[in-house]
Amino acid sequence: MPKISKGGPLASKPYNVSAVLLARNTVILLAIALFYLSLVVADESKPISPGWYQKLIGPGFSTNWFKTEEPMKKYSEQNIKDVSEKGFKNLRLRCRADLYSYNYTATNFTWFLGNLTTVVDHCLKHKVIPIVSWIHHHAEAYATEKDHDAYVAWWTAVAQQLKDKHFNLTFNLFTELGIDDCGKNCNESLRKRIDKYNKWTADVVAAIRGTGGNNGQRILILGSPGKTAKDLENIESTIYSNDPYMLAEWHIYASGPNKKKGGQKYWKGDGTTKGQENVKNAIYEATNFTDKFKLGTYLGAWMPQDNKVGDLNEDEVIRFARFFVSELRKVSISWSLNVLDRYYDTKEKAWLTEKQDIKGRKLNMSRVLDNIREVMP
């Protein structure tokens, strides 16, 4: 390109036309990029609809960090990076409230809130959806008025701590309502007393919404009054019918499929004997609930292996996993795999590759995970 000079004081300093055009175009493109970036930032500050959030959750893992008294002992920000780089989109942060007794102003609870905030921030930084969920087996089983008040106090403290966090953060009000703590004497449990379940849920929703910040329009995930999707219809519809920012959680196969004939989790071989039908029936309960009550769902915990007696061999585990994930994908139900520690060493910051002894059964869970990733959304 020839150099061109103009008259005047700059005539002695010729310039390159191509360079000028390139600079001008660069400025224009930069302006356009900044404009669209501003739109993205603006969008990120807006509430997320349940329909979009249901897809945003994607596939992920349940975690154990906050089920221990020293959650950060085996934690590193690299854990979150590795999960994200592997293609997983959520981490369900299961939190044991019983570790702090009933005093949610004590020093050790304040310490917990700080650690939880750190992990939530790392999740948000690396585009992983953090799903905070509450566990207190004794409270679930006995469900006294004291337990109710402590439940509301716990969530109020957590919500207050995290109220200004990105809308990608969500609160899952129950992890799983169990009755193991009280054996056969569980007539007052949240599982048995749906009136208690609905009161606890309604009261904690009001408490969380009342903390302000983004919590007024943050997605809240209601827990199943039982475990599976068939129990979702027992949630009092007034809790969610007038609140546009809610989903519901259910789960099945939390300890994996098994070979107990006649059971709802039965699976053998490739599942054609009865297993595939069981999977489809379980998922139908969720989609049918959504069709009837217009509330989307998320699957909070599942395992592909038999974690109780090790009945399924590796090929059966893989066949189950591929079929289950494929069926969930068909109806756009996101999930969290139970549990991250089975596939990844958080302390060593490395994915596990060696075969593991699971209830006497040697399984290559790395191979299982590879097969899950092949068919997941």
Protein backbone atom coordinates (compact mmCIF):
# COMPACT_ATOMS: atom_id res chain seq x y z
CA MET A 1 0.00 0.00 0.00
CA PRO A 2 1.55 3.35 -0.99
CA LYS A 3 2.09 5.94 1.67
CA ILE A 4 -0.07 9.03 1.36
CA SER A 5 0.70 12.43 2.76
CA LYS A 6 -1.44 15.50 3.08
CA GLY A 7 -0.54 19.13 3.15
CA GLY A 8 -0.06 21.12 6.34
CA PRO A 9 2.15 20.59 9.34
CA LEU A 10 1.78 16.84 9.18
CA ALA A 11 2.70 16.54 5.56
CA SER A 12 6.13 15.30 6.48
CA LYS A 13 4.63 12.41 8.50
CA PRO A 14 2.99 10.05 6.02
CA TYR A 15 0.65 7.41 7.37
CA ASN A 16 -0.55 4.00 6.24
CA VAL A 17 -4.18 3.86 5.03
CA SER A 18 -4.54 0.18 5.96
CA ALA A 19 -3.41 0.85 9.50
CA VAL A 20 -5.90 3.69 9.87
CA LEU A 21 -8.77 1.58 8.56
CA LEU A 22 -7.79 -1.30 10.81
CA ALA A 23 -7.68 0.96 13.85
CA ARG A 24 -11.06 2.46 13.01
CA ASN A 25 -12.67 -0.96 12.52
CA THR A 26 -11.11 -2.19 15.74
CA VAL A 27 -12.66 0.70 17.64
CA ILE A 28 -16.07 -0.01 16.08
CA LEU A 29 -15.86 -3.72 16.90
CA LEU A 30 -14.74 -2.94 20.43
CA ALA A 31 -17.69 -0.61 20.89
CA ILE A 32 -20.09 -3.29 19.65
CA ALA A 33 -18.51 -5.89 21.93
CA LEU A 34 -18.79 -3.60 24.94
CA PHE A 35 -22.43 -2.92 24.07
CA TYR A 36 -23.31 -6.62 23.98
CA LEU A 37 -21.23 -7.25 27.08
CA SER A 38 -23.30 -4.65 28.89
CA LEU A 39 -26.44 -6.47 27.82
CA VAL A 40 -25.08 -9.78 29.13
CA VAL A 41 -24.12 -8.21 32.45
CA ALA A 42 -27.55 -6.65 32.70
CA ASP A 43 -29.20 -9.98 31.95
CA GLU A 44 -27.08 -11.69 34.62
CA SER A 45 -28.49 -9.33 37.21
CA LYS A 46 -32.05 -10.34 36.43
CA PRO A 47 -34.06 -13.15 38.07
CA ILE A 48 -34.12 -16.49 36.27
CA SER A 49 -37.36 -18.17 35.27
CA PRO A 50 -37.94 -21.69 36.65
CA GLY A 51 -38.18 -23.11 33.12
CA TRP A 52 -34.78 -21.73 32.17
CA TYR A 53 -33.23 -22.57 35.53
CA GLN A 54 -34.41 -26.17 35.26
CA LYS A 55 -32.24 -26.50 32.14
CA LEU A 56 -29.43 -24.37 33.56
CA ILE A 57 -28.89 -26.80 36.46
CA GLY A 58 -27.74 -29.44 33.98
CA PRO A 59 -25.90 -32.56 35.17
CA GLY A 60 -23.81 -32.37 38.35
CA PHE A 61 -22.93 -33.96 41.67
CA SER A 62 -24.10 -34.05 45.27
CA THR A 63 -21.27 -33.23 47.68
CA ASN A 64 -20.11 -34.10 51.20
CA TRP A 65 -17.96 -31.10 52.22
CA PHE A 66 -20.57 -29.63 54.54
CA LYS A 67 -21.59 -32.98 55.97
CA THR A 68 -18.40 -32.89 58.05
CA GLU A 69 -17.16 -30.68 60.87
CA GLU A 70 -14.10 -29.63 58.84
CA PRO A 71 -15.46 -28.97 55.35
CA MET A 72 -12.42 -27.12 54.05
CA LYS A 73 -9.94 -29.80 55.07
CA LYS A 74 -10.41 -31.62 51.76
CA TYR A 75 -11.61 -28.66 49.70
CA SER A 76 -9.86 -26.60 47.05
CA GLU A 77 -11.08 -24.14 44.44
CA GLN A 78 -9.48 -26.51 41.96
CA ASN A 79 -12.28 -28.96 42.78
CA ILE A 80 -14.80 -26.58 41.24
CA LYS A 81 -12.61 -25.93 38.20
CA ASP A 82 -12.19 -29.66 37.61
CA VAL A 83 -15.94 -30.33 37.87
CA SER A 84 -16.64 -27.55 35.39
CA GLU A 85 -13.95 -28.66 32.95
CA LYS A 86 -15.39 -32.18 33.02
CA GLY A 87 -18.67 -30.79 31.69
CA PHE A 88 -20.73 -30.83 34.90
CA LYS A 89 -22.91 -27.83 35.68
CA ASN A 90 -24.07 -28.08 39.32
CA LEU A 91 -22.96 -29.02 42.80
CA ARG A 92 -25.53 -29.80 45.46
CA LEU A 93 -23.98 -28.54 48.69
CA ARG A 94 -25.58 -30.74 51.34
CA CYS A 95 -25.26 -29.06 54.74
CA ARG A 96 -25.72 -30.80 58.10
CA ALA A 97 -27.46 -28.37 60.44
CA ASP A 98 -27.10 -30.78 63.38
CA LEU A 99 -23.36 -30.12 63.47
CA TYR A 100 -24.15 -26.78 65.10
CA SER A 101 -26.79 -27.98 67.55
CA TYR A 102 -29.61 -25.44 67.70
CA ASN A 103 -27.51 -22.32 68.21
CA TYR A 104 -27.16 -20.67 64.84
CA THR A 105 -25.37 -17.64 66.21
CA ALA A 106 -22.45 -19.58 67.71
CA THR A 107 -18.88 -19.09 66.52
CA ASN A 108 -18.67 -22.43 64.75
CA PHE A 109 -21.85 -21.68 62.79
CA THR A 110 -20.48 -18.29 61.77
CA TRP A 111 -17.38 -20.17 60.59
CA PHE A 112 -19.62 -22.51 58.57
CA LEU A 113 -21.32 -19.55 56.90
CA GLY A 114 -17.95 -18.14 55.88
CA ASN A 115 -16.83 -21.46 54.41
CA LEU A 116 -20.14 -21.93 52.61
CA THR A 117 -19.80 -18.45 51.12
CA THR A 118 -16.31 -19.32 49.86
CA VAL A 119 -17.54 -22.44 48.05
CA VAL A 120 -20.59 -20.65 46.64
CA ASP A 121 -18.35 -17.87 45.33
CA HIS A 122 -16.03 -20.37 43.69
CA CYS A 123 -18.99 -22.12 42.05
CA LEU A 124 -20.34 -18.86 40.68
CA LYS A 125 -16.88 -17.82 39.50
CA HIS A 126 -16.45 -21.02 37.49
CA LYS A 127 -20.02 -21.17 36.13
CA VAL A 128 -21.16 -24.07 38.32
CA ILE A 129 -24.65 -23.85 39.84
CA PRO A 130 -24.45 -24.02 43.67
CA ILE A 131 -27.50 -25.71 45.24
CA VAL A 132 -27.49 -25.31 49.02
CA SER A 133 -29.57 -27.94 50.86
CA TRP A 134 -30.39 -28.53 54.54
CA ILE A 135 -30.01 -31.83 56.48
CA HIS A 136 -30.91 -32.54 60.11
CA HIS A 137 -32.07 -36.15 60.48
CA HIS A 138 -33.16 -35.86 64.10
CA ALA A 139 -35.25 -32.76 63.34
CA GLU A 140 -36.82 -34.41 60.31
CA ALA A 141 -37.76 -37.47 62.31
CA TYR A 142 -39.18 -35.84 65.46
CA ALA A 143 -40.28 -32.50 64.01
CA THR A 144 -40.93 -30.72 67.32
CA GLU A 145 -41.75 -27.02 67.58
CA LYS A 146 -38.15 -26.45 68.65
CA ASP A 147 -37.00 -28.24 65.50
CA HIS A 148 -39.29 -26.07 63.39
CA ASP A 149 -37.93 -22.87 64.89
CA ALA A 150 -34.34 -24.03 64.42
CA TYR A 151 -35.05 -24.96 60.79
CA VAL A 152 -36.39 -21.48 60.08
CA ALA A 153 -33.49 -19.89 61.99
CA TRP A 154 -30.90 -21.92 60.01
CA TRP A 155 -32.33 -20.95 56.65
CA THR A 156 -32.78 -17.33 57.70
CA ALA A 157 -29.09 -17.12 58.64
CA VAL A 158 -27.94 -18.81 55.43
CA ALA A 159 -30.25 -16.69 53.27
CA GLN A 160 -29.15 -13.49 54.99
CA GLN A 161 -25.50 -14.41 54.43
CA LEU A 162 -26.01 -15.12 50.72
CA LYS A 163 -28.83 -12.71 49.86
CA ASP A 164 -26.83 -10.63 47.37
CA LYS A 165 -25.30 -13.55 45.49
CA HIS A 166 -25.99 -14.15 41.81
CA PHE A 167 -29.39 -15.60 40.89
CA ASN A 168 -27.60 -18.79 39.77
CA LEU A 169 -27.42 -19.74 43.45
CA THR A 170 -30.46 -21.65 44.68
CA PHE A 171 -31.73 -22.99 48.01
CA ASN A 172 -33.01 -26.59 48.19
CA LEU A 173 -35.15 -26.57 51.34
CA PHE A 174 -34.74 -30.25 52.23
CA THR A 175 -32.11 -32.77 51.15
CA GLU A 176 -34.13 -35.85 52.05
CA LEU A 177 -36.76 -36.34 54.73
CA GLY A 178 -35.66 -39.45 56.58
CA ILE A 179 -37.09 -41.49 59.43
CA ASP A 180 -34.08 -43.69 60.24
CA ASP A 181 -33.36 -41.68 63.38
CA CYS A 182 -36.57 -42.71 65.12
CA GLY A 183 -37.12 -46.24 63.81
CA LYS A 184 -40.79 -47.19 64.00
CA ASN A 185 -41.76 -44.31 66.26
CA CYS A 186 -41.95 -41.67 63.57
CA ASN A 187 -45.59 -40.68 63.67
CA GLU A 188 -44.65 -37.03 64.16
CA SER A 189 -42.00 -36.98 61.43
CA LEU A 190 -42.23 -34.67 58.44
CA ARG A 191 -42.63 -37.77 56.29
CA LYS A 192 -45.73 -38.88 58.21
CA ARG A 193 -47.21 -35.47 59.05
CA ILE A 194 -47.78 -33.66 55.78
CA ASP A 195 -49.38 -30.79 57.70
CA LYS A 196 -46.07 -30.26 59.48
CA TYR A 197 -44.16 -30.52 56.24
CA ASN A 198 -46.31 -27.82 54.65
CA LYS A 199 -46.07 -25.52 57.67
CA TRP A 200 -42.28 -25.86 57.84
CA THR A 201 -42.00 -25.22 54.11
CA ALA A 202 -44.36 -22.24 54.01
CA ASP A 203 -42.70 -20.64 57.02
CA VAL A 204 -39.18 -21.02 55.70
CA VAL A 205 -40.16 -19.71 52.26
CA ALA A 206 -41.56 -16.59 53.93
CA ALA A 207 -38.40 -16.23 56.04
CA ILE A 208 -36.06 -16.55 53.05
CA ARG A 209 -38.08 -14.17 50.90
CA GLY A 210 -38.06 -11.70 53.79
CA THR A 211 -34.27 -11.48 53.95
CA GLY A 212 -34.22 -9.17 50.94
CA GLY A 213 -31.51 -8.80 48.31
CA ASN A 214 -31.89 -11.30 45.48
CA ASN A 215 -33.73 -13.72 47.74
CA GLY A 216 -37.09 -12.20 46.90
CA GLN A 217 -36.78 -13.60 43.38
CA ARG A 218 -34.25 -16.39 43.83
CA ILE A 219 -35.24 -19.89 42.74
CA LEU A 220 -36.21 -22.02 45.74
CA ILE A 221 -36.36 -25.79 45.32
CA LEU A 222 -39.01 -27.48 47.45
CA GLY A 223 -38.22 -30.94 48.79
CA SER A 224 -40.42 -33.98 48.20
CA PRO A 225 -42.48 -34.78 51.33
CA GLY A 226 -41.39 -38.36 50.77
CA LYS A 227 -38.52 -39.10 48.45
CA THR A 228 -39.84 -39.86 45.00
CA ALA A 229 -41.82 -37.77 42.57
CA LYS A 230 -45.11 -39.44 43.46
CA ASP A 231 -44.99 -37.61 46.80
CA LEU A 232 -44.71 -34.16 45.23
CA GLU A 233 -48.47 -33.78 44.88
CA ASN A 234 -48.70 -33.67 48.69
CA ILE A 235 -47.04 -30.24 48.71
CA GLU A 236 -49.69 -27.63 49.44
CA SER A 237 -50.15 -25.90 46.09
CA THR A 238 -50.61 -22.47 47.67
CA ILE A 239 -46.92 -22.55 48.60
CA TYR A 240 -45.87 -22.36 44.95
CA SER A 241 -48.93 -21.23 42.99
CA ASN A 242 -48.38 -17.58 43.90
CA ASP A 243 -44.58 -17.69 43.80
CA PRO A 244 -43.10 -17.59 40.28
CA TYR A 245 -39.58 -18.62 41.35
CA MET A 246 -39.83 -22.24 42.45
CA LEU A 247 -38.98 -25.78 41.44
CA ALA A 248 -39.38 -29.11 43.29
CA GLU A 249 -36.78 -31.78 44.05
CA TRP A 250 -37.32 -35.53 44.04
CA HIS A 251 -35.02 -38.49 43.87
CA ILE A 252 -34.87 -42.21 43.37
CA TYR A 253 -31.95 -44.65 43.14
CA ALA A 254 -30.16 -42.52 45.76
CA SER A 255 -28.37 -45.73 46.81
CA GLY A 256 -28.60 -47.18 43.30
CA PRO A 257 -30.66 -49.85 41.56
CA ASN A 258 -30.80 -53.39 42.94
CA LYS A 259 -31.96 -56.89 42.11
CA LYS A 260 -34.74 -57.07 44.65
CA LYS A 261 -37.54 -58.56 42.58
CA GLY A 262 -40.75 -56.62 42.63
CA GLY A 263 -39.06 -53.49 43.97
CA GLN A 264 -39.32 -50.08 42.30
CA LYS A 265 -35.53 -49.96 41.88
CA TYR A 266 -35.12 -53.43 40.37
CA TRP A 267 -32.63 -53.70 37.51
CA LYS A 268 -30.92 -56.70 35.94
CA GLY A 269 -28.83 -57.03 32.78
CA ASP A 270 -29.91 -54.38 30.28
CA GLY A 271 -33.10 -53.68 32.20
CA THR A 272 -35.49 -55.21 29.69
CA THR A 273 -36.81 -57.67 32.26
CA LYS A 274 -38.41 -54.90 34.34
CA GLY A 275 -35.77 -52.30 35.06
CA GLN A 276 -36.42 -50.01 32.11
CA GLU A 277 -40.10 -49.94 32.96
CA ASN A 278 -39.25 -48.96 36.55
CA VAL A 279 -37.13 -46.07 35.30
CA LYS A 280 -39.85 -44.82 32.98
CA ASN A 281 -42.48 -45.07 35.70
CA ALA A 282 -40.36 -43.08 38.16
CA ILE A 283 -39.75 -40.32 35.62
CA TYR A 284 -43.40 -40.30 34.56
CA GLU A 285 -44.38 -39.44 38.13
CA ALA A 286 -42.28 -36.28 37.81
CA THR A 287 -43.50 -35.24 34.37
CA ASN A 288 -47.10 -35.99 35.32
CA PHE A 289 -46.75 -33.80 38.42
CA THR A 290 -45.40 -30.96 36.28
CA ASP A 291 -48.22 -31.34 33.77
CA LYS A 292 -50.87 -31.25 36.51
CA PHE A 293 -49.43 -28.62 38.85
CA LYS A 294 -47.23 -26.57 36.49
CA LEU A 295 -44.15 -26.86 38.71
CA GLY A 296 -40.89 -28.08 37.18
CA THR A 297 -38.64 -30.59 38.91
CA TYR A 298 -35.00 -31.46 39.48
CA LEU A 299 -33.55 -34.87 40.47
CA GLY A 300 -31.42 -34.30 43.55
CA ALA A 301 -29.58 -37.61 43.97
CA TRP A 302 -29.02 -40.91 42.14
CA MET A 303 -26.38 -43.62 41.90
CA PRO A 304 -25.80 -46.08 39.06
CA GLN A 305 -24.28 -48.79 41.29
CA ASP A 306 -25.95 -50.85 44.02
CA ASN A 307 -24.48 -49.12 47.05
CA LYS A 308 -26.10 -51.44 49.60
CA VAL A 309 -25.14 -54.98 48.68
CA GLY A 310 -23.21 -54.64 45.40
CA ASP A 311 -25.64 -56.73 43.35
CA LEU A 312 -24.95 -55.17 39.94
CA ASN A 313 -21.79 -55.92 37.97
CA GLU A 314 -19.94 -53.21 36.06
CA ASP A 315 -21.70 -53.79 32.74
CA GLU A 316 -25.11 -53.67 34.45
CA VAL A 317 -24.14 -50.46 36.24
CA ILE A 318 -23.18 -48.86 32.93
CA ARG A 319 -26.31 -50.05 31.15
CA PHE A 320 -28.48 -48.66 33.91
CA ALA A 321 -26.61 -45.34 33.97
CA ARG A 322 -26.83 -44.82 30.23
CA PHE A 323 -30.52 -45.66 30.10
CA PHE A 324 -31.45 -43.55 33.13
CA VAL A 325 -29.56 -40.47 31.93
CA SER A 326 -30.96 -40.83 28.41
CA GLU A 327 -34.52 -41.00 29.73
CA LEU A 328 -34.00 -37.93 31.94
CA ARG A 329 -32.51 -36.06 28.99
CA LYS A 330 -35.62 -36.78 26.89
CA VAL A 331 -37.78 -34.83 29.35
CA SER A 332 -35.18 -32.16 30.24
CA ILE A 333 -34.86 -33.10 33.91
CA SER A 334 -31.51 -32.04 35.38
CA TRP A 335 -29.80 -34.06 38.08
CA SER A 336 -27.02 -34.40 40.65
CA LEU A 337 -25.06 -37.65 40.77
CA ASN A 338 -24.57 -39.12 44.22
CA VAL A 339 -21.78 -38.47 45.16
CA LEU A 340 -18.75 -36.48 43.91
CA ASP A 341 -16.36 -38.36 46.23
CA ARG A 342 -17.12 -41.60 44.41
CA TYR A 343 -15.56 -40.23 41.23
CA TYR A 344 -13.16 -37.54 42.40
CA ASP A 345 -10.64 -37.13 45.23
CA THR A 346 -11.27 -33.59 46.49
CA LYS A 347 -8.20 -33.57 48.73
CA GLU A 348 -5.84 -34.74 45.98
CA LYS A 349 -7.71 -32.72 43.31
CA ALA A 350 -7.80 -35.66 40.94
CA TRP A 351 -10.39 -37.83 39.21
CA LEU A 352 -10.29 -41.42 40.46
CA THR A 353 -9.11 -44.00 37.95
CA GLU A 354 -8.54 -47.20 39.93
CA LYS A 355 -11.23 -49.82 40.46
CA GLN A 356 -13.11 -49.44 43.72
CA ASP A 357 -14.49 -52.07 46.08
CA ILE A 358 -18.16 -51.15 46.55
CA LYS A 359 -19.88 -53.60 48.87
CA GLY A 360 -17.65 -56.42 47.66
CA ARG A 361 -18.03 -55.54 43.98
CA LYS A 362 -14.99 -54.26 42.05
CA LEU A 363 -16.13 -51.39 39.83
CA ASN A 364 -14.27 -49.00 37.56
CA MET A 365 -16.25 -45.85 38.37
CA SER A 366 -14.11 -43.84 35.97
CA ARG A 367 -15.43 -45.98 33.14
CA VAL A 368 -18.95 -45.59 34.50
CA LEU A 369 -18.56 -41.80 34.54
CA ASP A 370 -17.23 -41.77 30.98
CA ASN A 371 -20.36 -43.60 29.85
CA ILE A 372 -22.59 -41.17 31.73
CA ARG A 373 -20.86 -38.23 30.05
CA GLU A 374 -21.41 -39.78 26.63
CA VAL A 375 -25.20 -39.60 27.00
CA MET A 376 -25.74 -36.63 29.31
CA PRO A 377 -27.10 -33.30 28.01
